[in-house]
Amino acid sequence: MDFNFIVTQLISGFTMATLLFLVASGLTLIFGVGNIFNFAH
């Protein structure tokens, strides 16, 4: 495996982790601040 592939995969993984973090924190803010009952429980 070459160096470019490893760097590309690291950047891709970091980007996906950041996107998932933003979605999760946004949902937490929406349900937490809005006092909305989460029916998924």
PDB file of N, CA and C in Angstrom:
ATOM      1  N   MET A   1       0.845  -1.185   0.000  1.00  0.00           N
ATOM      2  CA  MET A   1       0.000   0.000   0.000  1.00  0.00           C
ATOM      3  C   MET A   1       0.884   1.240   0.000  1.00  0.00           C
ATOM      4  N   ASP A   2       0.497   2.185  -0.816  1.00  0.00           N
ATOM      5  CA  ASP A   2       1.323   3.384  -0.914  1.00  0.00           C
ATOM      6  C   ASP A   2       0.850   4.449   0.079  1.00  0.00           C
ATOM      7  N   PHE A   3       1.673   5.463   0.192  1.00  0.00           N
ATOM      8  CA  PHE A   3       1.450   6.503   1.190  1.00  0.00           C
ATOM      9  C   PHE A   3       0.218   7.340   0.867  1.00  0.00           C
ATOM     10  N   ASN A   4      -0.023   7.617  -0.425  1.00  0.00           N
ATOM     11  CA  ASN A   4      -1.171   8.438  -0.811  1.00  0.00           C
ATOM     12  C   ASN A   4      -2.492   7.781  -0.422  1.00  0.00           C
ATOM     13  N   PHE A   5      -2.578   6.466  -0.573  1.00  0.00           N
ATOM     14  CA  PHE A   5      -3.803   5.753  -0.220  1.00  0.00           C
ATOM     15  C   PHE A   5      -4.088   5.868   1.272  1.00  0.00           C
ATOM     16  N   ILE A   6      -3.053   5.724   2.090  1.00  0.00           N
ATOM     17  CA  ILE A   6      -3.227   5.786   3.538  1.00  0.00           C
ATOM     18  C   ILE A   6      -3.664   7.185   3.960  1.00  0.00           C
ATOM     19  N   VAL A   7      -3.041   8.213   3.385  1.00  0.00           N
ATOM     20  CA  VAL A   7      -3.405   9.591   3.727  1.00  0.00           C
ATOM     21  C   VAL A   7      -4.833   9.888   3.290  1.00  0.00           C
ATOM     22  N   THR A   8      -5.207   9.417   2.106  1.00  0.00           N
ATOM     23  CA  THR A   8      -6.565   9.639   1.612  1.00  0.00           C
ATOM     24  C   THR A   8      -7.591   8.967   2.509  1.00  0.00           C
ATOM     25  N   GLN A   9      -7.309   7.753   2.952  1.00  0.00           N
ATOM     26  CA  GLN A   9      -8.236   7.049   3.832  1.00  0.00           C
ATOM     27  C   GLN A   9      -8.338   7.727   5.201  1.00  0.00           C
ATOM     28  N   LEU A  10      -7.227   8.240   5.713  1.00  0.00           N
ATOM     29  CA  LEU A  10      -7.268   8.952   6.987  1.00  0.00           C
ATOM     30  C   LEU A  10      -8.111  10.217   6.889  1.00  0.00           C
ATOM     31  N   ILE A  11      -7.934  10.976   5.810  1.00  0.00           N
ATOM     32  CA  ILE A  11      -8.716  12.196   5.619  1.00  0.00           C
ATOM     33  C   ILE A  11     -10.195  11.862   5.454  1.00  0.00           C
ATOM     34  N   SER A  12     -10.487  10.809   4.703  1.00  0.00           N
ATOM     35  CA  SER A  12     -11.876  10.400   4.506  1.00  0.00           C
ATOM     36  C   SER A  12     -12.518   9.963   5.823  1.00  0.00           C
ATOM     37  N   GLY A  13     -11.809   9.208   6.616  1.00  0.00           N
ATOM     38  CA  GLY A  13     -12.327   8.773   7.906  1.00  0.00           C
ATOM     39  C   GLY A  13     -12.553   9.930   8.855  1.00  0.00           C
ATOM     40  N   PHE A  14     -11.626  10.874   8.875  1.00  0.00           N
ATOM     41  CA  PHE A  14     -11.779  12.052   9.730  1.00  0.00           C
ATOM     42  C   PHE A  14     -12.980  12.883   9.297  1.00  0.00           C
ATOM     43  N   THR A  15     -13.183  13.008   7.984  1.00  0.00           N
ATOM     44  CA  THR A  15     -14.316  13.771   7.469  1.00  0.00           C
ATOM     45  C   THR A  15     -15.640  13.116   7.849  1.00  0.00           C
ATOM     46  N   MET A  16     -15.722  11.798   7.713  1.00  0.00           N
ATOM     47  CA  MET A  16     -16.958  11.100   8.069  1.00  0.00           C
ATOM     48  C   MET A  16     -17.225  11.177   9.573  1.00  0.00           C
ATOM     49  N   ALA A  17     -16.184  11.069  10.383  1.00  0.00           N
ATOM     50  CA  ALA A  17     -16.355  11.167  11.833  1.00  0.00           C
ATOM     51  C   ALA A  17     -16.835  12.561  12.222  1.00  0.00           C
ATOM     52  N   THR A  18     -16.300  13.589  11.574  1.00  0.00           N
ATOM     53  CA  THR A  18     -16.725  14.955  11.852  1.00  0.00           C
ATOM     54  C   THR A  18     -18.179  15.167  11.463  1.00  0.00           C
ATOM     55  N   LEU A  19     -18.578  14.620  10.315  1.00  0.00           N
ATOM     56  CA  LEU A  19     -19.963  14.745   9.869  1.00  0.00           C
ATOM     57  C   LEU A  19     -20.920  14.057  10.841  1.00  0.00           C
ATOM     58  N   LEU A  20     -20.572  12.854  11.285  1.00  0.00           N
ATOM     59  CA  LEU A  20     -21.421  12.150  12.245  1.00  0.00           C
ATOM     60  C   LEU A  20     -21.499  12.889  13.579  1.00  0.00           C
ATOM     61  N   PHE A  21     -20.384  13.493  13.995  1.00  0.00           N
ATOM     62  CA  PHE A  21     -20.386  14.266  15.236  1.00  0.00           C
ATOM     63  C   PHE A  21     -21.303  15.477  15.128  1.00  0.00           C
ATOM     64  N   LEU A  22     -21.263  16.164  13.972  1.00  0.00           N
ATOM     65  CA  LEU A  22     -22.118  17.332  13.796  1.00  0.00           C
ATOM     66  C   LEU A  22     -23.595  16.952  13.792  1.00  0.00           C
ATOM     67  N   VAL A  23     -23.935  15.854  13.147  1.00  0.00           N
ATOM     68  CA  VAL A  23     -25.331  15.405  13.128  1.00  0.00           C
ATOM     69  C   VAL A  23     -25.786  15.028  14.533  1.00  0.00           C
ATOM     70  N   ALA A  24     -24.957  14.296  15.265  1.00  0.00           N
ATOM     71  CA  ALA A  24     -25.330  13.859  16.613  1.00  0.00           C
ATOM     72  C   ALA A  24     -25.461  15.041  17.567  1.00  0.00           C
ATOM     73  N   SER A  25     -24.546  15.998  17.487  1.00  0.00           N
ATOM     74  CA  SER A  25     -24.641  17.148  18.381  1.00  0.00           C
ATOM     75  C   SER A  25     -25.826  18.031  18.012  1.00  0.00           C
ATOM     76  N   GLY A  26     -26.153  18.126  16.734  1.00  0.00           N
ATOM     77  CA  GLY A  26     -27.329  18.889  16.319  1.00  0.00           C
ATOM     78  C   GLY A  26     -28.613  18.270  16.836  1.00  0.00           C
ATOM     79  N   LEU A  27     -28.721  16.942  16.732  1.00  0.00           N
ATOM     80  CA  LEU A  27     -29.914  16.277  17.255  1.00  0.00           C
ATOM     81  C   LEU A  27     -30.006  16.413  18.769  1.00  0.00           C
ATOM     82  N   THR A  28     -28.870  16.357  19.442  1.00  0.00           N
ATOM     83  CA  THR A  28     -28.868  16.526  20.893  1.00  0.00           C
ATOM     84  C   THR A  28     -29.349  17.916  21.276  1.00  0.00           C
ATOM     85  N   LEU A  29     -28.897  18.934  20.540  1.00  0.00           N
ATOM     86  CA  LEU A  29     -29.351  20.294  20.822  1.00  0.00           C
ATOM     87  C   LEU A  29     -30.843  20.449  20.550  1.00  0.00           C
ATOM     88  N   ILE A  30     -31.317  19.878  19.449  1.00  0.00           N
ATOM     89  CA  ILE A  30     -32.738  20.007  19.109  1.00  0.00           C
ATOM     90  C   ILE A  30     -33.612  19.361  20.182  1.00  0.00           C
ATOM     91  N   PHE A  31     -33.283  18.120  20.566  1.00  0.00           N
ATOM     92  CA  PHE A  31     -34.104  17.427  21.551  1.00  0.00           C
ATOM     93  C   PHE A  31     -33.884  17.976  22.959  1.00  0.00           C
ATOM     94  N   GLY A  32     -32.692  18.458  23.256  1.00  0.00           N
ATOM     95  CA  GLY A  32     -32.405  18.944  24.604  1.00  0.00           C
ATOM     96  C   GLY A  32     -32.973  20.318  24.870  1.00  0.00           C
ATOM     97  N   VAL A  33     -32.739  21.257  23.964  1.00  0.00           N
ATOM     98  CA  VAL A  33     -33.179  22.632  24.184  1.00  0.00           C
ATOM     99  C   VAL A  33     -34.681  22.763  23.964  1.00  0.00           C
ATOM    100  N   GLY A  34     -35.203  22.021  22.983  1.00  0.00           N
ATOM    101  CA  GLY A  34     -36.620  22.139  22.671  1.00  0.00           C
ATOM    102  C   GLY A  34     -37.541  21.369  23.578  1.00  0.00           C
ATOM    103  N   ASN A  35     -36.983  20.595  24.502  1.00  0.00           N
ATOM    104  CA  ASN A  35     -37.766  19.740  25.404  1.00  0.00           C
ATOM    105  C   ASN A  35     -38.738  18.848  24.636  1.00  0.00           C
ATOM    106  N   ILE A  36     -38.277  18.316  23.528  1.00  0.00           N
ATOM    107  CA  ILE A  36     -39.091  17.424  22.713  1.00  0.00           C
ATOM    108  C   ILE A  36     -38.884  16.003  23.223  1.00  0.00           C
ATOM    109  N   PHE A  37     -39.978  15.293  23.446  1.00  0.00           N
ATOM    110  CA  PHE A  37     -39.867  13.910  23.896  1.00  0.00           C
ATOM    111  C   PHE A  37     -39.455  13.034  22.722  1.00  0.00           C
ATOM    112  N   ASN A  38     -38.421  12.240  22.938  1.00  0.00           N
ATOM    113  CA  ASN A  38     -37.923  11.362  21.885  1.00  0.00           C
ATOM    114  C   ASN A  38     -38.683  10.042  21.947  1.00  0.00           C
ATOM    115  N   PHE A  39     -39.500   9.766  20.935  1.00  0.00           N
ATOM    116  CA  PHE A  39     -40.319   8.559  20.929  1.00  0.00           C
ATOM    117  C   PHE A  39     -39.522   7.313  20.568  1.00  0.00           C
ATOM    118  N   ALA A  40     -38.242   7.443  20.275  1.00  0.00           N
ATOM    119  CA  ALA A  40     -37.429   6.286  19.918  1.00  0.00           C
ATOM    120  C   ALA A  40     -37.049   5.461  21.146  1.00  0.00           C
ATOM    121  N   HIS A  41     -37.224   6.028  22.315  1.00  0.00           N
ATOM    122  CA  HIS A  41     -36.827   5.294  23.519  1.00  0.00           C
ATOM    123  C   HIS A  41     -37.775   4.156  23.766  1.00  0.00           C
TER     124      HIS A  41
END
